[in-house]
C-alpha atoms as a PDB file:
ATOM      1  CA  MET A   1     100.991  85.722 124.269  1.00  0.00           C
ATOM      2  CA  GLN A   2     103.650  86.577 121.727  1.00  0.00           C
ATOM      3  CA  LEU A   3     104.584  90.092 120.611  1.00  0.00           C
ATOM      4  CA  SER A   4     105.945  90.924 117.193  1.00  0.00           C
ATOM      5  CA  HIS A   5     107.979  93.693 115.610  1.00  0.00           C
ATOM      6  CA  ASN A   6     107.913  95.060 112.083  1.00  0.00           C
ATOM      7  CA  ARG A   7     110.709  96.279 109.867  1.00  0.00           C
ATOM      8  CA  ILE A   8     109.496  98.819 107.339  1.00  0.00           C
ATOM      9  CA  ARG A   9     111.697  99.388 104.293  1.00  0.00           C
ATOM     10  CA  GLY A  10     109.828 102.130 102.429  1.00  0.00           C
ATOM     11  CA  ALA A  11     106.554 103.989 102.160  1.00  0.00           C
ATOM     12  CA  ALA A  12     105.148 101.648  99.532  1.00  0.00           C
ATOM     13  CA  SER A  13     106.599  98.379 100.908  1.00  0.00           C
ATOM     14  CA  ALA A  14     104.460  95.869 102.785  1.00  0.00           C
ATOM     15  CA  VAL A  15     105.036  95.561 106.481  1.00  0.00           C
ATOM     16  CA  ARG A  16     106.456  92.172 107.445  1.00  0.00           C
ATOM     17  CA  ASP A  17     105.882  90.494 110.772  1.00  0.00           C
ATOM     18  CA  ASN A  18     108.686  88.533 112.423  1.00  0.00           C
ATOM     19  CA  SER A  19     106.801  86.779 115.207  1.00  0.00           C
ATOM     20  CA  GLY A  20     108.302  84.864 118.049  1.00  0.00           C
ATOM     21  CA  TRP A  21     109.687  87.611 120.364  1.00  0.00           C
ATOM     22  CA  ALA A  22     108.663  86.643 123.882  1.00  0.00           C
ATOM     23  CA  LYS A  23     107.213  89.535 125.868  1.00  0.00           C
ATOM     24  CA  PRO A  24     109.982  90.660 128.334  1.00  0.00           C
ATOM     25  CA  TYR A  25     107.866  92.618 130.816  1.00  0.00           C
ATOM     26  CA  PRO A  26     104.155  92.032 131.668  1.00  0.00           C
ATOM     27  CA  LEU A  27     103.675  95.798 131.925  1.00  0.00           C
ATOM     28  CA  TRP A  28     101.334  96.584 129.093  1.00  0.00           C
ATOM     29  CA  GLU A  29      99.941  95.076 125.914  1.00  0.00           C
ATOM     30  CA  ILE A  30      99.474  96.990 122.705  1.00  0.00           C
ATOM     31  CA  ALA A  31      98.555  96.357 119.079  1.00  0.00           C
ATOM     32  CA  THR A  32      99.332  99.451 116.914  1.00  0.00           C
ATOM     33  CA  PRO A  33      97.642  99.879 113.573  1.00  0.00           C
ATOM     34  CA  LEU A  34      99.630 101.193 110.618  1.00  0.00           C
ATOM     35  CA  VAL A  35      98.585 104.857 111.085  1.00  0.00           C
ATOM     36  CA  THR A  36      96.599 105.205 114.298  1.00  0.00           C
ATOM     37  CA  THR A  37      97.951 104.699 117.801  1.00  0.00           C
ATOM     38  CA  THR A  38      96.624 102.811 120.771  1.00  0.00           C
ATOM     39  CA  PRO A  39      96.733 103.776 124.486  1.00  0.00           C
ATOM     40  CA  ILE A  40      99.523 102.157 126.478  1.00  0.00           C
ATOM     41  CA  HIS A  41      98.522 100.595 129.787  1.00  0.00           C
ATOM     42  CA  TRP A  42     100.745 100.289 132.868  1.00  0.00           C
ATOM     43  CA  ASP A  43     100.503  97.876 135.783  1.00  0.00           C
ATOM     44  CA  GLY A  44     101.686 100.318 138.405  1.00  0.00           C
ATOM     45  CA  ALA A  45     105.367  99.512 138.938  1.00  0.00           C
ATOM     46  CA  TYR A  46     108.548 100.686 137.398  1.00  0.00           C
ATOM     47  CA  GLU A  47     112.214 100.942 138.471  1.00  0.00           C
ATOM     48  CA  THR A  48     113.925 104.255 139.330  1.00  0.00           C
ATOM     49  CA  THR A  49     117.311 102.770 140.176  1.00  0.00           C
ATOM     50  CA  ARG A  50     120.053 104.486 138.200  1.00  0.00           C
ATOM     51  CA  PRO A  51     121.868 102.088 135.776  1.00  0.00           C
ATOM     52  CA  ARG A  52     125.213 100.617 136.566  1.00  0.00           C
ATOM     53  CA  PRO A  53     127.910 102.219 134.418  1.00  0.00           C
ATOM     54  CA  ARG A  54     128.915 100.299 131.350  1.00  0.00           C
ATOM     55  CA  ASN A  55     131.346  97.389 131.911  1.00  0.00           C
ATOM     56  CA  THR A  56     131.384  97.804 135.678  1.00  0.00           C
ATOM     57  CA  PRO A  57     132.263  94.478 137.358  1.00  0.00           C
ATOM     58  CA  ASP A  58     129.721  92.814 139.594  1.00  0.00           C
ATOM     59  CA  PRO A  59     131.039  92.556 143.185  1.00  0.00           C
ATOM     60  CA  SER A  60     130.267  88.791 143.195  1.00  0.00           C
ATOM     61  CA  PRO A  61     133.087  86.184 142.718  1.00  0.00           C
ATOM     62  CA  VAL A  62     132.004  85.677 139.115  1.00  0.00           C
ATOM     63  CA  ALA A  63     131.397  88.879 137.210  1.00  0.00           C
ATOM     64  CA  ALA A  64     129.692  89.444 133.914  1.00  0.00           C
ATOM     65  CA  VAL A  65     130.790  92.089 131.536  1.00  0.00           C
ATOM     66  CA  VAL A  66     127.752  94.352 131.798  1.00  0.00           C
ATOM     67  CA  THR A  67     126.586  96.363 128.829  1.00  0.00           C
ATOM     68  CA  ILE A  68     123.619  98.618 129.564  1.00  0.00           C
ATOM     69  CA  THR A  69     121.241  99.192 126.647  1.00  0.00           C
ATOM     70  CA  ARG A  70     121.368 102.821 125.596  1.00  0.00           C
ATOM     71  CA  ILE A  71     118.326 104.598 124.155  1.00  0.00           C
ATOM     72  CA  LEU A  72     118.633 107.926 122.428  1.00  0.00           C
ATOM     73  CA  LEU A  73     115.577 110.050 123.036  1.00  0.00           C
ATOM     74  CA  ILE A  74     114.712 112.483 120.201  1.00  0.00           C
ATOM     75  CA  SER A  75     111.925 115.118 120.535  1.00  0.00           C
ATOM     76  CA  GLY A  76     110.537 116.682 117.381  1.00  0.00           C
ATOM     77  CA  SER A  77     109.540 119.798 119.247  1.00  0.00           C
ATOM     78  CA  THR A  78     111.657 122.966 119.539  1.00  0.00           C
ATOM     79  CA  ARG A  79     109.141 124.677 121.849  1.00  0.00           C
ATOM     80  CA  GLU A  80     110.108 125.385 125.447  1.00  0.00           C
ATOM     81  CA  GLY A  81     107.626 123.624 127.717  1.00  0.00           C
ATOM     82  CA  SER A  82     106.748 121.002 125.119  1.00  0.00           C
ATOM     83  CA  THR A  83     104.860 117.987 126.418  1.00  0.00           C
ATOM     84  CA  ASN A  84     106.850 115.835 123.953  1.00  0.00           C
ATOM     85  CA  THR A  85     110.156 116.966 125.465  1.00  0.00           C
ATOM     86  CA  ALA A  86     108.775 116.613 128.994  1.00  0.00           C
ATOM     87  CA  ALA A  87     107.816 113.016 128.265  1.00  0.00           C
ATOM     88  CA  LEU A  88     111.339 112.199 127.120  1.00  0.00           C
ATOM     89  CA  ARG A  89     112.912 114.077 129.954  1.00  0.00           C
ATOM     90  CA  SER A  90     110.818 111.946 132.361  1.00  0.00           C
ATOM     91  CA  ILE A  91     111.903 108.713 130.649  1.00  0.00           C
ATOM     92  CA  ALA A  92     115.533 109.774 131.064  1.00  0.00           C
ATOM     93  CA  ALA A  93     114.915 110.581 134.778  1.00  0.00           C
ATOM     94  CA  ASP A  94     113.256 107.226 135.440  1.00  0.00           C
ATOM     95  CA  ALA A  95     115.615 104.962 133.468  1.00  0.00           C
ATOM     96  CA  GLY A  96     116.041 101.709 135.347  1.00  0.00           C
ATOM     97  CA  SER A  97     118.925  99.326 135.849  1.00  0.00           C
ATOM     98  CA  ASP A  98     118.208  97.545 132.541  1.00  0.00           C
ATOM     99  CA  PHE A  99     118.720 100.585 130.282  1.00  0.00           C
ATOM    100  CA  GLU A 100     119.949 104.191 130.189  1.00  0.00           C
ATOM    101  CA  ALA A 101     118.300 106.995 128.275  1.00  0.00           C
ATOM    102  CA  VAL A 102     120.107 109.985 126.775  1.00  0.00           C
ATOM    103  CA  ARG A 103     118.252 112.981 125.348  1.00  0.00           C
ATOM    104  CA  PHE A 104     119.372 114.515 122.064  1.00  0.00           C
ATOM    105  CA  ASP A 105     119.305 118.262 122.498  1.00  0.00           C
ATOM    106  CA  GLY A 106     120.872 119.406 119.212  1.00  0.00           C
ATOM    107  CA  LEU A 107     117.757 119.746 117.064  1.00  0.00           C
ATOM    108  CA  LEU A 108     117.862 123.494 116.839  1.00  0.00           C
ATOM    109  CA  GLY A 109     121.513 123.473 115.976  1.00  0.00           C
ATOM    110  CA  LEU A 110     121.313 121.294 112.899  1.00  0.00           C
ATOM    111  CA  PRO A 111     121.696 123.204 109.650  1.00  0.00           C
ATOM    112  CA  ALA A 112     119.409 122.632 106.694  1.00  0.00           C
ATOM    113  CA  PHE A 113     120.152 119.315 104.992  1.00  0.00           C
ATOM    114  CA  VAL A 114     122.495 119.599 101.991  1.00  0.00           C
ATOM    115  CA  PRO A 115     122.979 116.270 100.184  1.00  0.00           C
ATOM    116  CA  GLY A 116     126.619 115.315  99.841  1.00  0.00           C
ATOM    117  CA  GLU A 117     128.014 118.196 101.779  1.00  0.00           C
ATOM    118  CA  GLU A 118     131.670 117.661 102.707  1.00  0.00           C
ATOM    119  CA  PRO A 119     132.867 118.126 105.336  1.00  0.00           C
ATOM    120  CA  GLU A 120     129.716 117.790 107.275  1.00  0.00           C
ATOM    121  CA  PRO A 121     128.972 120.498 109.854  1.00  0.00           C
ATOM    122  CA  PRO A 122     130.081 119.771 113.417  1.00  0.00           C
ATOM    123  CA  ALA A 123     126.451 119.619 114.662  1.00  0.00           C
ATOM    124  CA  VAL A 124     125.743 116.861 112.115  1.00  0.00           C
ATOM    125  CA  GLU A 125     128.909 114.938 113.079  1.00  0.00           C
ATOM    126  CA  ALA A 126     127.757 115.136 116.702  1.00  0.00           C
ATOM    127  CA  LEU A 127     124.352 113.663 115.663  1.00  0.00           C
ATOM    128  CA  HIS A 128     126.116 110.771 113.912  1.00  0.00           C
ATOM    129  CA  ARG A 129     128.156 110.040 117.015  1.00  0.00           C
ATOM    130  CA  GLN A 130     125.102 109.951 119.300  1.00  0.00           C
ATOM    131  CA  LEU A 131     123.194 107.758 116.948  1.00  0.00           C
ATOM    132  CA  ALA A 132     126.121 105.328 116.597  1.00  0.00           C
ATOM    133  CA  ALA A 133     126.467 105.088 120.392  1.00  0.00           C
ATOM    134  CA  ALA A 134     122.785 104.267 120.816  1.00  0.00           C
ATOM    135  CA  ASP A 135     121.360 100.744 120.756  1.00  0.00           C
ATOM    136  CA  ALA A 136     117.893 102.156 120.001  1.00  0.00           C
ATOM    137  CA  VAL A 137     116.095 105.400 119.351  1.00  0.00           C
ATOM    138  CA  LEU A 138     112.779 106.601 120.800  1.00  0.00           C
ATOM    139  CA  PHE A 139     110.934 109.490 119.123  1.00  0.00           C
ATOM    140  CA  CYS A 140     108.274 111.788 120.543  1.00  0.00           C
ATOM    141  CA  THR A 141     107.008 114.483 118.180  1.00  0.00           C
ATOM    142  CA  PRO A 142     104.145 116.896 117.768  1.00  0.00           C
ATOM    143  CA  GLU A 143     102.211 117.409 114.506  1.00  0.00           C
ATOM    144  CA  TYR A 144     102.763 120.577 112.556  1.00  0.00           C
ATOM    145  CA  ALA A 145     100.782 121.349 109.361  1.00  0.00           C
ATOM    146  CA  GLY A 146      99.675 117.739 108.918  1.00  0.00           C
ATOM    147  CA  MET A 147     103.074 116.063 109.379  1.00  0.00           C
ATOM    148  CA  ILE A 148     106.137 115.896 111.571  1.00  0.00           C
ATOM    149  CA  PRO A 149     107.901 119.231 112.170  1.00  0.00           C
ATOM    150  CA  GLY A 150     110.402 120.250 109.463  1.00  0.00           C
ATOM    151  CA  SER A 151     113.187 120.308 112.053  1.00  0.00           C
ATOM    152  CA  LEU A 152     112.725 116.592 112.769  1.00  0.00           C
ATOM    153  CA  LYS A 153     112.444 115.746 109.075  1.00  0.00           C
ATOM    154  CA  ASN A 154     115.688 117.656 108.565  1.00  0.00           C
ATOM    155  CA  LEU A 155     117.365 115.578 111.281  1.00  0.00           C
ATOM    156  CA  LEU A 156     116.190 112.327 109.682  1.00  0.00           C
ATOM    157  CA  GLU A 157     117.448 113.479 106.271  1.00  0.00           C
ATOM    158  CA  TRP A 158     120.930 113.939 107.752  1.00  0.00           C
ATOM    159  CA  THR A 159     120.891 110.257 108.736  1.00  0.00           C
ATOM    160  CA  VAL A 160     120.501 108.883 105.209  1.00  0.00           C
ATOM    161  CA  GLY A 161     124.007 109.158 103.926  1.00  0.00           C
ATOM    162  CA  ASN A 162     125.590 107.489 106.939  1.00  0.00           C
ATOM    163  CA  ALA A 163     122.783 104.911 107.298  1.00  0.00           C
ATOM    164  CA  ASP A 164     122.659 105.897 110.981  1.00  0.00           C
ATOM    165  CA  LEU A 165     119.230 104.333 111.490  1.00  0.00           C
ATOM    166  CA  SER A 166     119.558 101.370 109.165  1.00  0.00           C
ATOM    167  CA  GLU A 167     118.336  98.220 110.999  1.00  0.00           C
ATOM    168  CA  LYS A 168     118.489 100.128 114.307  1.00  0.00           C
ATOM    169  CA  PRO A 169     115.467  99.426 116.630  1.00  0.00           C
ATOM    170  CA  VAL A 170     113.253 102.513 116.897  1.00  0.00           C
ATOM    171  CA  ALA A 171     109.906 103.402 118.374  1.00  0.00           C
ATOM    172  CA  TYR A 172     107.684 106.417 118.954  1.00  0.00           C
ATOM    173  CA  VAL A 173     105.276 107.659 121.632  1.00  0.00           C
ATOM    174  CA  ASN A 174     102.381 109.934 120.697  1.00  0.00           C
ATOM    175  CA  VAL A 175     101.528 112.165 123.617  1.00  0.00           C
ATOM    176  CA  ALA A 176      98.785 114.164 121.921  1.00  0.00           C
ATOM    177  CA  TYR A 177      95.088 114.020 122.826  1.00  0.00           C
ATOM    178  CA  GLU A 178      93.066 111.142 121.451  1.00  0.00           C
ATOM    179  CA  GLY A 179      92.391 111.720 117.747  1.00  0.00           C
ATOM    180  CA  ARG A 180      95.367 114.051 117.294  1.00  0.00           C
ATOM    181  CA  GLY A 181      98.850 113.438 116.052  1.00  0.00           C
ATOM    182  CA  GLU A 182      97.962 110.598 113.670  1.00  0.00           C
ATOM    183  CA  ALA A 183      99.339 112.467 110.646  1.00  0.00           C
ATOM    184  CA  ALA A 184     102.684 112.991 112.394  1.00  0.00           C
ATOM    185  CA  VAL A 185     102.759 109.273 113.313  1.00  0.00           C
ATOM    186  CA  ALA A 186     102.017 108.329 109.661  1.00  0.00           C
ATOM    187  CA  THR A 187     104.767 110.655 108.349  1.00  0.00           C
ATOM    188  CA  LEU A 188     107.284 109.484 110.903  1.00  0.00           C
ATOM    189  CA  ARG A 189     106.599 105.808 110.060  1.00  0.00           C
ATOM    190  CA  THR A 190     107.063 106.582 106.320  1.00  0.00           C
ATOM    191  CA  VAL A 191     110.374 108.326 106.831  1.00  0.00           C
ATOM    192  CA  LEU A 192     111.622 105.656 109.205  1.00  0.00           C
ATOM    193  CA  GLY A 193     110.868 103.195 106.429  1.00  0.00           C
ATOM    194  CA  TYR A 194     112.905 105.043 103.901  1.00  0.00           C
ATOM    195  CA  VAL A 195     115.913 105.164 106.200  1.00  0.00           C
ATOM    196  CA  GLY A 196     115.664 101.428 106.887  1.00  0.00           C
ATOM    197  CA  ALA A 197     115.007 101.600 110.643  1.00  0.00           C
ATOM    198  CA  GLU A 198     113.524  98.613 112.463  1.00  0.00           C
ATOM    199  CA  LEU A 199     110.211  99.789 113.942  1.00  0.00           C
ATOM    200  CA  VAL A 200     109.490  97.932 117.207  1.00  0.00           C
ATOM    201  CA  GLU A 201     105.714  97.935 117.315  1.00  0.00           C
ATOM    202  CA  ALA A 202     105.496  96.669 120.855  1.00  0.00           C
ATOM    203  CA  ALA A 203     107.100  99.918 122.090  1.00  0.00           C
ATOM    204  CA  CYS A 204     104.910 102.276 120.034  1.00  0.00           C
ATOM    205  CA  GLY A 205     101.637 103.837 121.146  1.00  0.00           C
ATOM    206  CA  ARG A 206      99.718 106.809 122.549  1.00  0.00           C
ATOM    207  CA  ILE A 207     100.354 108.088 126.052  1.00  0.00           C
ATOM    208  CA  THR A 208      98.523 111.373 126.419  1.00  0.00           C
ATOM    209  CA  VAL A 209     100.489 113.985 128.393  1.00  0.00           C
ATOM    210  CA  LEU A 210      98.565 117.006 129.506  1.00  0.00           C
ATOM    211  CA  GLN A 211     100.276 120.381 129.692  1.00  0.00           C
ATOM    212  CA  SER A 212      98.829 120.770 133.202  1.00  0.00           C
ATOM    213  CA  SER A 213     100.652 117.623 134.293  1.00  0.00           C
ATOM    214  CA  ILE A 214     104.090 119.096 133.735  1.00  0.00           C
ATOM    215  CA  GLY A 215     105.731 120.122 136.985  1.00  0.00           C
ATOM    216  CA  PRO A 216     108.048 123.008 137.617  1.00  0.00           C
ATOM    217  CA  ASP A 217     110.981 120.684 137.148  1.00  0.00           C
ATOM    218  CA  GLY A 218     109.912 120.025 133.566  1.00  0.00           C
ATOM    219  CA  LEU A 219     108.948 116.415 134.343  1.00  0.00           C
ATOM    220  CA  VAL A 220     105.581 114.701 134.085  1.00  0.00           C
ATOM    221  CA  ALA A 221     104.042 114.796 137.518  1.00  0.00           C
ATOM    222  CA  ASP A 222     101.375 112.136 136.872  1.00  0.00           C
ATOM    223  CA  GLN A 223     102.910 108.889 138.189  1.00  0.00           C
ATOM    224  CA  HIS A 224     100.592 106.735 136.081  1.00  0.00           C
ATOM    225  CA  VAL A 225     101.657 108.465 132.913  1.00  0.00           C
ATOM    226  CA  ARG A 226     105.289 108.279 134.054  1.00  0.00           C
ATOM    227  CA  GLY A 227     104.890 104.513 134.440  1.00  0.00           C
ATOM    228  CA  CYS A 228     103.467 104.123 130.967  1.00  0.00           C
ATOM    229  CA  LEU A 229     106.301 106.116 129.470  1.00  0.00           C
ATOM    230  CA  ASN A 230     108.834 103.948 131.305  1.00  0.00           C
ATOM    231  CA  ALA A 231     107.115 100.812 130.135  1.00  0.00           C
ATOM    232  CA  ALA A 232     107.412 101.874 126.478  1.00  0.00           C
ATOM    233  CA  ALA A 233     111.132 102.615 126.931  1.00  0.00           C
ATOM    234  CA  ARG A 234     111.702  99.298 128.700  1.00  0.00           C
ATOM    235  CA  ALA A 235     110.030  97.411 125.881  1.00  0.00           C
ATOM    236  CA  LEU A 236     112.255  99.087 123.323  1.00  0.00           C
ATOM    237  CA  ALA A 237     115.395  98.450 125.486  1.00  0.00           C
ATOM    238  CA  ALA A 238     114.507  94.811 125.974  1.00  0.00           C
ATOM    239  CA  HIS A 239     114.152  94.272 122.273  1.00  0.00           C
ATOM    240  CA  ALA A 240     117.424  96.003 121.547  1.00  0.00           C
ATOM    241  CA  ALA A 241     119.152  93.888 124.242  1.00  0.00           C
ATOM    242  CA  GLU A 242     117.907  90.704 122.585  1.00  0.00           C
ATOM    243  CA  LEU A 243     119.575  91.762 119.360  1.00  0.00           C
ATOM    244  CA  ALA A 244     122.938  92.387 121.067  1.00  0.00           C
ATOM    245  CA  GLU A 245     125.539  89.724 121.618  1.00  0.00           C
ATOM    246  CA  PRO A 246     125.319  87.994 124.959  1.00  0.00           C
ATOM    247  CA  ALA A 247     127.624  89.233 127.708  1.00  0.00           C
ATOM    248  CA  THR A 248     130.761  87.117 128.414  1.00  0.00           C
ATOM    249  CA  SER A 249     131.246  85.864 131.974  1.00  0.00           C
ATOM    250  CA  VAL A 250     134.658  86.310 133.528  1.00  0.00           C
ATOM    251  CA  SER A 251     135.806  84.400 136.554  1.00  0.00           C
ATOM    252  CA  LEU A 252     137.591  86.392 139.244  1.00  0.00           C
ATOM    253  CA  ASP A 253     138.969  83.344 141.080  1.00  0.00           C
ATOM    254  CA  THR A 254     142.734  83.008 141.041  1.00  0.00           C
END
């Protein structure tokens, strides 16, 4: 079975398929319609090993220059105790040896978008730096008043001038109950199209996270749900890694 990804270039543009990407992990299979989302299924196994630091030599005689794929996790919720934020916090906690996940926590600190503002506010410059350092971005957002929250839309507007998301692999996870959150997904897809992001369909889908499943540590306690979240992140990381240049092997023999 082959998976595909789509690059969306605008709200009115047609979605183009670029088939041929081999499935990297037999963890789950998904086909996401344009607006609705599909449940993500997990086979019951995921890694919890912390990633090796970037460019750390392998102890073997021949070492590869290791570059760990970095995913920036962005929650569209500003509410304490949000299931969206808990989902991303769990992904960061469970990041495996093949990727690292960093949460963006500056949503509340971003000022209202002002086109062409110079110099840009420090909070916006920090956003640019984190996006530039990321190989991919994973969003998780609630739906407010029939669309994504204004705070998340404001963040995305700040990325336009710097083309922070242009051709960068992105994905989303919808943690709402079945039948909810579709308007937020549709809006997010539209905005990601306008900013030129590359939407990786194989990493997008619905993984319902119940408020009752959030533990006192702020993490998702349900291990099945945790596995599904990890599978989505790994699929995005694997795609981003395929786009990166191959690592160069360095012989340590003298």
